[in-house]
Amino acid sequence: MIARKEKVSIIDVAKRAGVSPATVSRVLNKTANVSPELRERVLSAVSELNYVPDPFAHGMRTKRTRSIGLIISDITNPFFPELARGVEDYVSSVGYSLILCNTDARPENEKRYVELLLNKGIDGLMFTSLRIGEEVIRSLLNDGIPCILVGRKPENIEGLVYVVTDNYKGGCIAGEYLFSLGHKRFAHISGPLDNSAGRERLAGFIDALKKRGVREKDITIINSDFTMEGGYKSAGDVLGLESLPSAIFFANDAMAIGALQRFWEEKISIPEVFSIIGFDNIKVSGLVAPPLTTISQEIYRIGQLSARELIKIIEGEKGEPVILEPKLIERRSCRCIR
């Protein structure tokens, strides 16, 4: 049996030529001035690798496609459908279309989708993570590809516009609220700490508690992954602690909901045993038992504002960073123990 030859991608060409995928796209589609030396390197790599561009994409890139790409990490997380709806409602209102790509939090998938979108002549890209790598984002920006980061701040990428909730302030609000209810021992189930949103929520929570005189030994940090499955597992980790907290702050609602399931299975009553607070205010957070107290961010509005800023950049205007205020939503998953 003859093995099928793996198709050469635009990323393979970029690696061979020592340039970004966006530069390869611009050389092949003749959409921008590229130095003769760079053009020769790209064309040599194309020849050496026998790369065959998508003819449809090649034709499309000669003009605006009035389409943008939104790359998300986990379509099963209820945060992202609401975000995508905000993006789509805005872009469709101004005559653009949306291509949604789900990466399952895998860097290789994110790279593949970036390549696909560039080949399809996308006008701009929206990222919800930086798993693809900061260097790739910098290359895209340097090559004039409009990009925006949604839901978190970039830390080392100059010129990358972002739309975000003040995650540090949200963490502070959670800490202040739980302390005000009389709690003395706390746990935080964090998101991935390579994610600036996760780090900022953690930092705000700890700083708020320390300002109230809570000792470091009375704050337990358990690292997780922003998923319901991660929250379910982390609830088990909490139950295994030698000294149990009375209040738990989850870095997002999805993890808090996963934990509620685990506690229900273990016949642990919430909030009688643990006071629980989440972050996001996804729609289902008010429907679980008990309804989840949470730190709200305007997810739909984040999507709309992200789309607005990206389209401004596409159309030659200056995009501006946007920081939204978080808000406490009190429901029935916390109790006062004073």
C-alpha atoms as a PDB file:
ATOM      1  CA  MET A   1       0.000   0.000   0.000  1.00  0.00           C
ATOM      2  CA  ILE A   2       1.359   3.426  -0.970  1.00  0.00           C
ATOM      3  CA  ALA A   3       1.522   5.898   1.919  1.00  0.00           C
ATOM      4  CA  ARG A   4      -0.354   9.095   1.301  1.00  0.00           C
ATOM      5  CA  LYS A   5       1.954  12.075   1.032  1.00  0.00           C
ATOM      6  CA  GLU A   6       1.265  14.701   3.690  1.00  0.00           C
ATOM      7  CA  LYS A   7       0.137  18.016   2.225  1.00  0.00           C
ATOM      8  CA  VAL A   8       2.619  20.869   2.528  1.00  0.00           C
ATOM      9  CA  SER A   9       1.166  23.809   4.453  1.00  0.00           C
ATOM     10  CA  ILE A  10       1.792  27.536   4.389  1.00  0.00           C
ATOM     11  CA  ILE A  11       3.428  27.145   7.822  1.00  0.00           C
ATOM     12  CA  ASP A  12       5.916  24.646   6.342  1.00  0.00           C
ATOM     13  CA  VAL A  13       6.784  27.192   3.655  1.00  0.00           C
ATOM     14  CA  ALA A  14       7.165  29.946   6.240  1.00  0.00           C
ATOM     15  CA  LYS A  15       9.533  27.804   8.330  1.00  0.00           C
ATOM     16  CA  ARG A  16      11.641  26.919   5.292  1.00  0.00           C
ATOM     17  CA  ALA A  17      11.848  30.578   4.213  1.00  0.00           C
ATOM     18  CA  GLY A  18      12.378  31.902   7.734  1.00  0.00           C
ATOM     19  CA  VAL A  19       9.386  34.254   7.567  1.00  0.00           C
ATOM     20  CA  SER A  20       5.883  34.395   9.014  1.00  0.00           C
ATOM     21  CA  PRO A  21       2.869  32.637   7.442  1.00  0.00           C
ATOM     22  CA  ALA A  22       1.408  36.083   6.794  1.00  0.00           C
ATOM     23  CA  THR A  23       4.461  37.065   4.712  1.00  0.00           C
ATOM     24  CA  VAL A  24       4.086  33.899   2.625  1.00  0.00           C
ATOM     25  CA  SER A  25       0.420  34.760   2.075  1.00  0.00           C
ATOM     26  CA  ARG A  26       1.289  38.307   1.003  1.00  0.00           C
ATOM     27  CA  VAL A  27       3.984  37.152  -1.429  1.00  0.00           C
ATOM     28  CA  LEU A  28       1.720  34.575  -3.056  1.00  0.00           C
ATOM     29  CA  ASN A  29      -1.257  36.902  -3.253  1.00  0.00           C
ATOM     30  CA  LYS A  30       0.744  40.035  -4.154  1.00  0.00           C
ATOM     31  CA  THR A  31      -1.190  42.159  -1.676  1.00  0.00           C
ATOM     32  CA  ALA A  32       1.657  44.231  -0.178  1.00  0.00           C
ATOM     33  CA  ASN A  33       5.171  45.447  -0.859  1.00  0.00           C
ATOM     34  CA  VAL A  34       7.674  42.773   0.098  1.00  0.00           C
ATOM     35  CA  SER A  35      11.411  43.174  -0.367  1.00  0.00           C
ATOM     36  CA  PRO A  36      12.940  41.299  -3.351  1.00  0.00           C
ATOM     37  CA  GLU A  37      15.111  39.278  -0.961  1.00  0.00           C
ATOM     38  CA  LEU A  38      12.126  38.094   1.100  1.00  0.00           C
ATOM     39  CA  ARG A  39      10.075  37.389  -2.009  1.00  0.00           C
ATOM     40  CA  GLU A  40      12.890  35.243  -3.432  1.00  0.00           C
ATOM     41  CA  ARG A  41      13.202  33.269  -0.194  1.00  0.00           C
ATOM     42  CA  VAL A  42       9.480  32.562  -0.126  1.00  0.00           C
ATOM     43  CA  LEU A  43       9.304  31.556  -3.785  1.00  0.00           C
ATOM     44  CA  SER A  44      12.353  29.306  -3.377  1.00  0.00           C
ATOM     45  CA  ALA A  45      10.715  27.575  -0.403  1.00  0.00           C
ATOM     46  CA  VAL A  46       7.489  27.155  -2.405  1.00  0.00           C
ATOM     47  CA  SER A  47       9.469  25.521  -5.208  1.00  0.00           C
ATOM     48  CA  GLU A  48      11.541  23.279  -2.951  1.00  0.00           C
ATOM     49  CA  LEU A  49       8.491  22.008  -1.068  1.00  0.00           C
ATOM     50  CA  ASN A  50       6.214  21.810  -4.127  1.00  0.00           C
ATOM     51  CA  TYR A  51       3.647  23.884  -2.251  1.00  0.00           C
ATOM     52  CA  VAL A  52       0.339  24.326  -4.068  1.00  0.00           C
ATOM     53  CA  PRO A  53      -1.794  27.204  -2.691  1.00  0.00           C
ATOM     54  CA  ASP A  54      -5.549  26.962  -2.430  1.00  0.00           C
ATOM     55  CA  PRO A  55      -6.645  28.582  -5.722  1.00  0.00           C
ATOM     56  CA  PHE A  56      -9.894  29.852  -4.221  1.00  0.00           C
ATOM     57  CA  ALA A  57      -8.072  31.494  -1.330  1.00  0.00           C
ATOM     58  CA  HIS A  58      -5.524  32.991  -3.707  1.00  0.00           C
ATOM     59  CA  GLY A  59      -8.237  34.655  -5.705  1.00  0.00           C
ATOM     60  CA  MET A  60     -10.017  35.952  -2.622  1.00  0.00           C
ATOM     61  CA  ARG A  61      -6.963  37.641  -1.089  1.00  0.00           C
ATOM     62  CA  THR A  62      -6.736  40.206  -3.886  1.00  0.00           C
ATOM     63  CA  LYS A  63      -9.630  42.090  -2.280  1.00  0.00           C
ATOM     64  CA  ARG A  64     -11.392  42.439   1.056  1.00  0.00           C
ATOM     65  CA  THR A  65     -13.513  39.436   1.963  1.00  0.00           C
ATOM     66  CA  ARG A  66     -15.424  41.310   4.707  1.00  0.00           C
ATOM     67  CA  SER A  67     -14.901  38.325   6.995  1.00  0.00           C
ATOM     68  CA  ILE A  68     -13.126  37.904  10.322  1.00  0.00           C
ATOM     69  CA  GLY A  69     -11.958  34.828  12.209  1.00  0.00           C
ATOM     70  CA  LEU A  70     -12.690  34.160  15.890  1.00  0.00           C
ATOM     71  CA  ILE A  71     -10.440  31.485  17.405  1.00  0.00           C
ATOM     72  CA  ILE A  72     -11.732  30.044  20.690  1.00  0.00           C
ATOM     73  CA  SER A  73     -10.274  27.349  22.905  1.00  0.00           C
ATOM     74  CA  ASP A  74     -13.310  25.406  24.160  1.00  0.00           C
ATOM     75  CA  ILE A  75     -16.739  25.562  22.510  1.00  0.00           C
ATOM     76  CA  THR A  76     -18.197  23.471  25.370  1.00  0.00           C
ATOM     77  CA  ASN A  77     -17.491  26.292  27.856  1.00  0.00           C
ATOM     78  CA  PRO A  78     -20.716  28.384  27.962  1.00  0.00           C
ATOM     79  CA  PHE A  79     -18.606  31.566  28.055  1.00  0.00           C
ATOM     80  CA  PHE A  80     -17.598  31.205  24.409  1.00  0.00           C
ATOM     81  CA  PRO A  81     -20.988  30.801  22.677  1.00  0.00           C
ATOM     82  CA  GLU A  82     -22.208  33.997  24.340  1.00  0.00           C
ATOM     83  CA  LEU A  83     -18.987  35.763  23.349  1.00  0.00           C
ATOM     84  CA  ALA A  84     -19.327  34.516  19.762  1.00  0.00           C
ATOM     85  CA  ARG A  85     -22.933  35.689  19.617  1.00  0.00           C
ATOM     86  CA  GLY A  86     -21.835  39.198  20.569  1.00  0.00           C
ATOM     87  CA  VAL A  87     -19.149  39.144  17.883  1.00  0.00           C
ATOM     88  CA  GLU A  88     -21.484  37.791  15.204  1.00  0.00           C
ATOM     89  CA  ASP A  89     -24.315  40.198  15.970  1.00  0.00           C
ATOM     90  CA  TYR A  90     -21.966  43.149  15.627  1.00  0.00           C
ATOM     91  CA  VAL A  91     -20.101  42.046  12.498  1.00  0.00           C
ATOM     92  CA  SER A  92     -23.290  41.106  10.667  1.00  0.00           C
ATOM     93  CA  SER A  93     -24.767  44.518  11.469  1.00  0.00           C
ATOM     94  CA  VAL A  94     -21.909  46.198   9.569  1.00  0.00           C
ATOM     95  CA  GLY A  95     -21.781  43.821   6.626  1.00  0.00           C
ATOM     96  CA  TYR A  96     -19.077  41.387   7.748  1.00  0.00           C
ATOM     97  CA  SER A  97     -19.272  37.629   8.316  1.00  0.00           C
ATOM     98  CA  LEU A  98     -17.722  35.497  11.057  1.00  0.00           C
ATOM     99  CA  ILE A  99     -15.720  32.288  10.798  1.00  0.00           C
ATOM    100  CA  LEU A 100     -15.598  30.491  14.168  1.00  0.00           C
ATOM    101  CA  CYS A 101     -12.750  28.070  14.922  1.00  0.00           C
ATOM    102  CA  ASN A 102     -12.558  25.851  18.035  1.00  0.00           C
ATOM    103  CA  THR A 103      -9.054  24.666  18.984  1.00  0.00           C
ATOM    104  CA  ASP A 104      -9.804  22.389  21.969  1.00  0.00           C
ATOM    105  CA  ALA A 105      -7.000  24.319  23.705  1.00  0.00           C
ATOM    106  CA  ARG A 106      -4.359  22.748  21.439  1.00  0.00           C
ATOM    107  CA  PRO A 107      -1.601  25.001  20.046  1.00  0.00           C
ATOM    108  CA  GLU A 108      -1.293  22.873  16.895  1.00  0.00           C
ATOM    109  CA  ASN A 109      -4.984  23.408  16.157  1.00  0.00           C
ATOM    110  CA  GLU A 110      -4.645  27.144  16.669  1.00  0.00           C
ATOM    111  CA  LYS A 111      -1.748  27.280  14.190  1.00  0.00           C
ATOM    112  CA  ARG A 112      -3.710  25.226  11.681  1.00  0.00           C
ATOM    113  CA  TYR A 113      -6.706  27.549  11.901  1.00  0.00           C
ATOM    114  CA  VAL A 114      -4.551  30.653  11.510  1.00  0.00           C
ATOM    115  CA  GLU A 115      -3.096  29.127   8.348  1.00  0.00           C
ATOM    116  CA  LEU A 116      -6.557  28.237   7.059  1.00  0.00           C
ATOM    117  CA  LEU A 117      -7.927  31.715   7.732  1.00  0.00           C
ATOM    118  CA  LEU A 118      -4.962  33.419   6.084  1.00  0.00           C
ATOM    119  CA  ASN A 119      -5.389  31.203   3.042  1.00  0.00           C
ATOM    120  CA  LYS A 120      -9.064  32.177   2.884  1.00  0.00           C
ATOM    121  CA  GLY A 121      -8.160  35.839   2.784  1.00  0.00           C
ATOM    122  CA  ILE A 122      -9.522  36.743   6.189  1.00  0.00           C
ATOM    123  CA  ASP A 123      -9.567  40.478   6.949  1.00  0.00           C
ATOM    124  CA  GLY A 124      -8.750  40.172  10.658  1.00  0.00           C
ATOM    125  CA  LEU A 125      -8.247  37.703  13.507  1.00  0.00           C
ATOM    126  CA  MET A 126      -9.653  37.549  17.034  1.00  0.00           C
ATOM    127  CA  PHE A 127      -7.744  35.444  19.572  1.00  0.00           C
ATOM    128  CA  THR A 128      -9.012  34.291  22.978  1.00  0.00           C
ATOM    129  CA  SER A 129      -5.681  32.716  23.940  1.00  0.00           C
ATOM    130  CA  LEU A 130      -2.012  33.028  23.035  1.00  0.00           C
ATOM    131  CA  ARG A 131      -1.281  29.320  22.721  1.00  0.00           C
ATOM    132  CA  ILE A 132      -0.066  29.909  19.181  1.00  0.00           C
ATOM    133  CA  GLY A 133       2.882  31.806  20.652  1.00  0.00           C
ATOM    134  CA  GLU A 134       3.729  35.469  21.043  1.00  0.00           C
ATOM    135  CA  GLU A 135       6.186  35.399  18.141  1.00  0.00           C
ATOM    136  CA  VAL A 136       3.475  34.339  15.687  1.00  0.00           C
ATOM    137  CA  ILE A 137       1.186  37.146  16.886  1.00  0.00           C
ATOM    138  CA  ARG A 138       4.018  39.667  16.547  1.00  0.00           C
ATOM    139  CA  SER A 139       4.701  38.438  13.009  1.00  0.00           C
ATOM    140  CA  LEU A 140       1.040  38.821  12.082  1.00  0.00           C
ATOM    141  CA  LEU A 141       0.982  42.373  13.450  1.00  0.00           C
ATOM    142  CA  ASN A 142       4.258  43.259  11.745  1.00  0.00           C
ATOM    143  CA  ASP A 143       2.832  42.004   8.450  1.00  0.00           C
ATOM    144  CA  GLY A 144      -0.203  44.214   8.816  1.00  0.00           C
ATOM    145  CA  ILE A 145      -2.749  41.525   9.689  1.00  0.00           C
ATOM    146  CA  PRO A 146      -5.342  43.140  12.013  1.00  0.00           C
ATOM    147  CA  CYS A 147      -5.521  41.160  15.281  1.00  0.00           C
ATOM    148  CA  ILE A 148      -7.202  41.602  18.650  1.00  0.00           C
ATOM    149  CA  LEU A 149      -7.017  39.695  21.952  1.00  0.00           C
ATOM    150  CA  VAL A 150     -10.303  38.975  23.719  1.00  0.00           C
ATOM    151  CA  GLY A 151     -10.793  38.345  27.437  1.00  0.00           C
ATOM    152  CA  ARG A 152      -7.244  38.871  28.627  1.00  0.00           C
ATOM    153  CA  LYS A 153      -4.374  41.340  28.402  1.00  0.00           C
ATOM    154  CA  PRO A 154      -1.260  40.736  26.326  1.00  0.00           C
ATOM    155  CA  GLU A 155       1.856  41.080  28.441  1.00  0.00           C
ATOM    156  CA  ASN A 156       4.701  41.179  25.941  1.00  0.00           C
ATOM    157  CA  ILE A 157       3.117  42.095  22.591  1.00  0.00           C
ATOM    158  CA  GLU A 158       3.315  45.786  21.834  1.00  0.00           C
ATOM    159  CA  GLY A 159       0.471  47.129  19.732  1.00  0.00           C
ATOM    160  CA  LEU A 160      -1.962  44.243  20.275  1.00  0.00           C
ATOM    161  CA  VAL A 161      -5.388  45.727  21.084  1.00  0.00           C
ATOM    162  CA  TYR A 162      -7.460  43.900  23.713  1.00  0.00           C
ATOM    163  CA  VAL A 163     -10.933  43.917  25.250  1.00  0.00           C
ATOM    164  CA  VAL A 164     -11.117  42.579  28.785  1.00  0.00           C
ATOM    165  CA  THR A 165     -12.873  42.727  32.136  1.00  0.00           C
ATOM    166  CA  ASP A 166     -10.745  44.010  35.027  1.00  0.00           C
ATOM    167  CA  ASN A 167      -9.846  40.526  36.266  1.00  0.00           C
ATOM    168  CA  TYR A 168      -7.726  41.755  39.166  1.00  0.00           C
ATOM    169  CA  LYS A 169     -10.591  43.874  40.481  1.00  0.00           C
ATOM    170  CA  GLY A 170     -12.961  40.918  40.068  1.00  0.00           C
ATOM    171  CA  GLY A 171     -10.677  38.787  42.227  1.00  0.00           C
ATOM    172  CA  CYS A 172     -10.601  41.550  44.837  1.00  0.00           C
ATOM    173  CA  ILE A 173     -14.413  41.725  44.895  1.00  0.00           C
ATOM    174  CA  ALA A 174     -14.625  37.959  45.456  1.00  0.00           C
ATOM    175  CA  GLY A 175     -12.150  38.085  48.338  1.00  0.00           C
ATOM    176  CA  GLU A 176     -13.795  41.093  49.988  1.00  0.00           C
ATOM    177  CA  TYR A 177     -17.244  39.522  49.723  1.00  0.00           C
ATOM    178  CA  LEU A 178     -16.286  36.164  51.242  1.00  0.00           C
ATOM    179  CA  PHE A 179     -14.374  37.900  54.045  1.00  0.00           C
ATOM    180  CA  SER A 180     -17.399  40.121  54.765  1.00  0.00           C
ATOM    181  CA  LEU A 181     -19.479  36.977  55.365  1.00  0.00           C
ATOM    182  CA  GLY A 182     -17.202  36.028  58.265  1.00  0.00           C
ATOM    183  CA  HIS A 183     -15.071  33.345  56.605  1.00  0.00           C
ATOM    184  CA  LYS A 184     -11.560  32.759  57.957  1.00  0.00           C
ATOM    185  CA  ARG A 185     -10.234  29.920  55.789  1.00  0.00           C
ATOM    186  CA  PHE A 186     -10.307  30.155  52.010  1.00  0.00           C
ATOM    187  CA  ALA A 187      -9.505  28.209  48.868  1.00  0.00           C
ATOM    188  CA  HIS A 188      -9.080  29.403  45.310  1.00  0.00           C
ATOM    189  CA  ILE A 189      -9.441  27.100  42.325  1.00  0.00           C
ATOM    190  CA  SER A 190      -7.399  28.940  39.715  1.00  0.00           C
ATOM    191  CA  GLY A 191      -7.400  28.845  35.965  1.00  0.00           C
ATOM    192  CA  PRO A 192      -4.180  28.007  34.098  1.00  0.00           C
ATOM    193  CA  LEU A 193      -1.475  30.288  35.424  1.00  0.00           C
ATOM    194  CA  ASP A 194      -0.017  30.787  31.942  1.00  0.00           C
ATOM    195  CA  ASN A 195      -3.227  32.732  31.325  1.00  0.00           C
ATOM    196  CA  SER A 196      -3.148  36.387  32.416  1.00  0.00           C
ATOM    197  CA  ALA A 197      -6.845  36.366  33.352  1.00  0.00           C
ATOM    198  CA  GLY A 198      -6.277  33.443  35.718  1.00  0.00           C
ATOM    199  CA  ARG A 199      -3.226  35.067  37.301  1.00  0.00           C
ATOM    200  CA  GLU A 200      -4.972  38.413  37.776  1.00  0.00           C
ATOM    201  CA  ARG A 201      -8.059  36.867  39.423  1.00  0.00           C
ATOM    202  CA  LEU A 202      -5.784  34.940  41.783  1.00  0.00           C
ATOM    203  CA  ALA A 203      -3.680  38.011  42.601  1.00  0.00           C
ATOM    204  CA  GLY A 204      -6.721  40.171  43.300  1.00  0.00           C
ATOM    205  CA  PHE A 205      -8.261  37.532  45.566  1.00  0.00           C
ATOM    206  CA  ILE A 206      -5.094  37.047  47.613  1.00  0.00           C
ATOM    207  CA  ASP A 207      -4.355  40.779  47.882  1.00  0.00           C
ATOM    208  CA  ALA A 208      -7.883  41.544  49.102  1.00  0.00           C
ATOM    209  CA  LEU A 209      -7.675  38.872  51.802  1.00  0.00           C
ATOM    210  CA  LYS A 210      -4.189  39.884  52.938  1.00  0.00           C
ATOM    211  CA  LYS A 211      -5.346  43.495  53.296  1.00  0.00           C
ATOM    212  CA  ARG A 212      -7.968  42.158  55.707  1.00  0.00           C
ATOM    213  CA  GLY A 213      -5.300  40.402  57.752  1.00  0.00           C
ATOM    214  CA  VAL A 214      -5.876  36.854  56.471  1.00  0.00           C
ATOM    215  CA  ARG A 215      -2.728  34.791  56.884  1.00  0.00           C
ATOM    216  CA  GLU A 216      -1.145  33.082  53.899  1.00  0.00           C
ATOM    217  CA  LYS A 217      -1.519  29.683  55.556  1.00  0.00           C
ATOM    218  CA  ASP A 218      -5.299  30.201  55.594  1.00  0.00           C
ATOM    219  CA  ILE A 219      -5.478  30.527  51.782  1.00  0.00           C
ATOM    220  CA  THR A 220      -5.170  27.316  49.752  1.00  0.00           C
ATOM    221  CA  ILE A 221      -4.503  27.561  45.990  1.00  0.00           C
ATOM    222  CA  ILE A 222      -5.414  24.636  43.729  1.00  0.00           C
ATOM    223  CA  ASN A 223      -4.470  25.005  40.068  1.00  0.00           C
ATOM    224  CA  SER A 224      -7.030  23.889  37.502  1.00  0.00           C
ATOM    225  CA  ASP A 225      -8.003  24.525  33.885  1.00  0.00           C
ATOM    226  CA  PHE A 226     -11.238  26.552  33.488  1.00  0.00           C
ATOM    227  CA  THR A 227     -13.296  23.426  32.618  1.00  0.00           C
ATOM    228  CA  MET A 228     -16.221  21.765  34.406  1.00  0.00           C
ATOM    229  CA  GLU A 229     -14.165  18.583  34.582  1.00  0.00           C
ATOM    230  CA  GLY A 230     -11.353  20.539  36.217  1.00  0.00           C
ATOM    231  CA  GLY A 231     -13.769  21.970  38.775  1.00  0.00           C
ATOM    232  CA  TYR A 232     -15.166  18.507  39.517  1.00  0.00           C
ATOM    233  CA  LYS A 233     -11.654  17.159  40.146  1.00  0.00           C
ATOM    234  CA  SER A 234     -10.636  20.198  42.197  1.00  0.00           C
ATOM    235  CA  ALA A 235     -13.661  19.713  44.462  1.00  0.00           C
ATOM    236  CA  GLY A 236     -12.226  16.293  45.284  1.00  0.00           C
ATOM    237  CA  ASP A 237      -8.858  17.927  46.003  1.00  0.00           C
ATOM    238  CA  VAL A 238     -10.573  20.326  48.424  1.00  0.00           C
ATOM    239  CA  LEU A 239     -12.214  17.418  50.244  1.00  0.00           C
ATOM    240  CA  GLY A 240      -8.795  15.818  50.651  1.00  0.00           C
ATOM    241  CA  LEU A 241      -7.294  18.817  52.443  1.00  0.00           C
ATOM    242  CA  GLU A 242      -6.206  18.316  56.036  1.00  0.00           C
ATOM    243  CA  SER A 243      -7.839  21.596  57.078  1.00  0.00           C
ATOM    244  CA  LEU A 244     -10.975  22.450  55.100  1.00  0.00           C
ATOM    245  CA  PRO A 245     -11.795  25.984  53.954  1.00  0.00           C
ATOM    246  CA  SER A 246     -15.271  27.396  54.542  1.00  0.00           C
ATOM    247  CA  ALA A 247     -15.241  29.551  51.385  1.00  0.00           C
ATOM    248  CA  ILE A 248     -14.072  28.745  47.843  1.00  0.00           C
ATOM    249  CA  PHE A 249     -13.535  31.152  44.940  1.00  0.00           C
ATOM    250  CA  PHE A 250     -13.521  29.467  41.532  1.00  0.00           C
ATOM    251  CA  ALA A 251     -11.787  31.355  38.707  1.00  0.00           C
ATOM    252  CA  ASN A 252     -14.760  30.759  36.429  1.00  0.00           C
ATOM    253  CA  ASP A 253     -18.342  29.546  36.621  1.00  0.00           C
ATOM    254  CA  ALA A 254     -17.697  26.386  34.610  1.00  0.00           C
ATOM    255  CA  MET A 255     -15.348  25.067  37.307  1.00  0.00           C
ATOM    256  CA  ALA A 256     -17.744  26.105  40.071  1.00  0.00           C
ATOM    257  CA  ILE A 257     -20.569  24.191  38.376  1.00  0.00           C
ATOM    258  CA  GLY A 258     -18.371  21.107  38.029  1.00  0.00           C
ATOM    259  CA  ALA A 259     -17.588  21.364  41.747  1.00  0.00           C
ATOM    260  CA  LEU A 260     -21.281  21.656  42.649  1.00  0.00           C
ATOM    261  CA  GLN A 261     -21.855  18.339  40.901  1.00  0.00           C
ATOM    262  CA  ARG A 262     -19.060  16.664  42.880  1.00  0.00           C
ATOM    263  CA  PHE A 263     -20.300  18.074  46.178  1.00  0.00           C
ATOM    264  CA  TRP A 264     -23.848  16.924  45.405  1.00  0.00           C
ATOM    265  CA  GLU A 265     -22.558  13.416  44.717  1.00  0.00           C
ATOM    266  CA  GLU A 266     -20.726  13.474  48.055  1.00  0.00           C
ATOM    267  CA  LYS A 267     -23.926  14.693  49.803  1.00  0.00           C
ATOM    268  CA  ILE A 268     -22.216  17.921  50.852  1.00  0.00           C
ATOM    269  CA  SER A 269     -24.682  20.759  51.276  1.00  0.00           C
ATOM    270  CA  ILE A 270     -23.882  24.124  49.687  1.00  0.00           C
ATOM    271  CA  PRO A 271     -23.678  26.726  51.193  1.00  0.00           C
ATOM    272  CA  GLU A 272     -23.977  25.036  54.606  1.00  0.00           C
ATOM    273  CA  VAL A 273     -20.545  23.404  54.315  1.00  0.00           C
ATOM    274  CA  PHE A 274     -18.802  25.583  51.713  1.00  0.00           C
ATOM    275  CA  SER A 275     -19.648  29.050  50.427  1.00  0.00           C
ATOM    276  CA  ILE A 276     -18.901  29.090  46.690  1.00  0.00           C
ATOM    277  CA  ILE A 277     -18.408  32.009  44.317  1.00  0.00           C
ATOM    278  CA  GLY A 278     -17.610  31.850  40.598  1.00  0.00           C
ATOM    279  CA  PHE A 279     -16.569  34.269  37.876  1.00  0.00           C
ATOM    280  CA  ASP A 280     -18.244  35.122  34.512  1.00  0.00           C
ATOM    281  CA  ASN A 281     -22.002  35.004  35.206  1.00  0.00           C
ATOM    282  CA  ILE A 282     -22.697  32.604  32.347  1.00  0.00           C
ATOM    283  CA  LYS A 283     -26.430  32.111  31.857  1.00  0.00           C
ATOM    284  CA  VAL A 284     -26.560  28.641  33.426  1.00  0.00           C
ATOM    285  CA  SER A 285     -24.998  29.934  36.662  1.00  0.00           C
ATOM    286  CA  GLY A 286     -28.411  31.183  37.795  1.00  0.00           C
ATOM    287  CA  LEU A 287     -30.080  27.842  37.017  1.00  0.00           C
ATOM    288  CA  VAL A 288     -27.923  25.395  38.992  1.00  0.00           C
ATOM    289  CA  ALA A 289     -28.738  24.292  42.543  1.00  0.00           C
ATOM    290  CA  PRO A 290     -28.071  26.352  44.485  1.00  0.00           C
ATOM    291  CA  PRO A 291     -27.976  29.348  42.097  1.00  0.00           C
ATOM    292  CA  LEU A 292     -24.349  30.454  41.898  1.00  0.00           C
ATOM    293  CA  THR A 293     -23.072  33.696  43.377  1.00  0.00           C
ATOM    294  CA  THR A 294     -20.556  35.015  40.882  1.00  0.00           C
ATOM    295  CA  ILE A 295     -18.471  37.898  39.599  1.00  0.00           C
ATOM    296  CA  SER A 296     -20.167  39.079  36.420  1.00  0.00           C
ATOM    297  CA  GLN A 297     -18.446  40.173  33.271  1.00  0.00           C
ATOM    298  CA  GLU A 298     -20.444  41.411  30.283  1.00  0.00           C
ATOM    299  CA  ILE A 299     -19.618  38.539  27.960  1.00  0.00           C
ATOM    300  CA  TYR A 300     -21.914  39.518  25.096  1.00  0.00           C
ATOM    301  CA  ARG A 301     -20.677  43.119  25.266  1.00  0.00           C
ATOM    302  CA  ILE A 302     -17.051  41.965  25.268  1.00  0.00           C
ATOM    303  CA  GLY A 303     -17.800  40.173  21.993  1.00  0.00           C
ATOM    304  CA  GLN A 304     -19.439  43.250  20.481  1.00  0.00           C
ATOM    305  CA  LEU A 305     -16.682  45.635  21.560  1.00  0.00           C
ATOM    306  CA  SER A 306     -13.966  43.252  20.351  1.00  0.00           C
ATOM    307  CA  ALA A 307     -15.610  43.097  16.926  1.00  0.00           C
ATOM    308  CA  ARG A 308     -15.980  46.877  16.865  1.00  0.00           C
ATOM    309  CA  GLU A 309     -12.302  47.485  17.626  1.00  0.00           C
ATOM    310  CA  LEU A 310     -11.094  44.871  15.130  1.00  0.00           C
ATOM    311  CA  ILE A 311     -13.220  46.290  12.307  1.00  0.00           C
ATOM    312  CA  LYS A 312     -11.922  49.778  13.116  1.00  0.00           C
ATOM    313  CA  ILE A 313      -8.388  48.452  12.599  1.00  0.00           C
ATOM    314  CA  ILE A 314      -9.354  46.645   9.374  1.00  0.00           C
ATOM    315  CA  GLU A 315     -10.833  49.855   7.995  1.00  0.00           C
ATOM    316  CA  GLY A 316      -7.733  51.898   8.760  1.00  0.00           C
ATOM    317  CA  GLU A 317      -8.710  53.480  12.071  1.00  0.00           C
ATOM    318  CA  LYS A 318      -6.931  53.139  15.405  1.00  0.00           C
ATOM    319  CA  GLY A 319      -8.217  50.400  17.704  1.00  0.00           C
ATOM    320  CA  GLU A 320      -8.227  51.110  21.437  1.00  0.00           C
ATOM    321  CA  PRO A 321      -7.900  48.750  24.421  1.00  0.00           C
ATOM    322  CA  VAL A 322     -11.132  48.394  26.418  1.00  0.00           C
ATOM    323  CA  ILE A 323     -11.343  47.418  30.115  1.00  0.00           C
ATOM    324  CA  LEU A 324     -14.804  46.684  31.538  1.00  0.00           C
ATOM    325  CA  GLU A 325     -15.874  46.714  35.186  1.00  0.00           C
ATOM    326  CA  PRO A 326     -16.765  43.434  36.980  1.00  0.00           C
ATOM    327  CA  LYS A 327     -19.823  43.252  39.232  1.00  0.00           C
ATOM    328  CA  LEU A 328     -20.877  40.998  42.121  1.00  0.00           C
ATOM    329  CA  ILE A 329     -24.045  38.966  41.489  1.00  0.00           C
ATOM    330  CA  GLU A 330     -25.399  37.607  44.797  1.00  0.00           C
ATOM    331  CA  ARG A 331     -27.416  34.389  44.628  1.00  0.00           C
ATOM    332  CA  ARG A 332     -27.641  31.479  47.082  1.00  0.00           C
ATOM    333  CA  SER A 333     -24.305  29.613  47.039  1.00  0.00           C
ATOM    334  CA  CYS A 334     -22.751  31.665  49.871  1.00  0.00           C
ATOM    335  CA  ARG A 335     -23.819  32.191  53.481  1.00  0.00           C
ATOM    336  CA  CYS A 336     -22.872  34.475  56.327  1.00  0.00           C
ATOM    337  CA  ILE A 337     -21.190  32.663  59.238  1.00  0.00           C
ATOM    338  CA  ARG A 338     -20.695  35.601  61.583  1.00  0.00           C
END
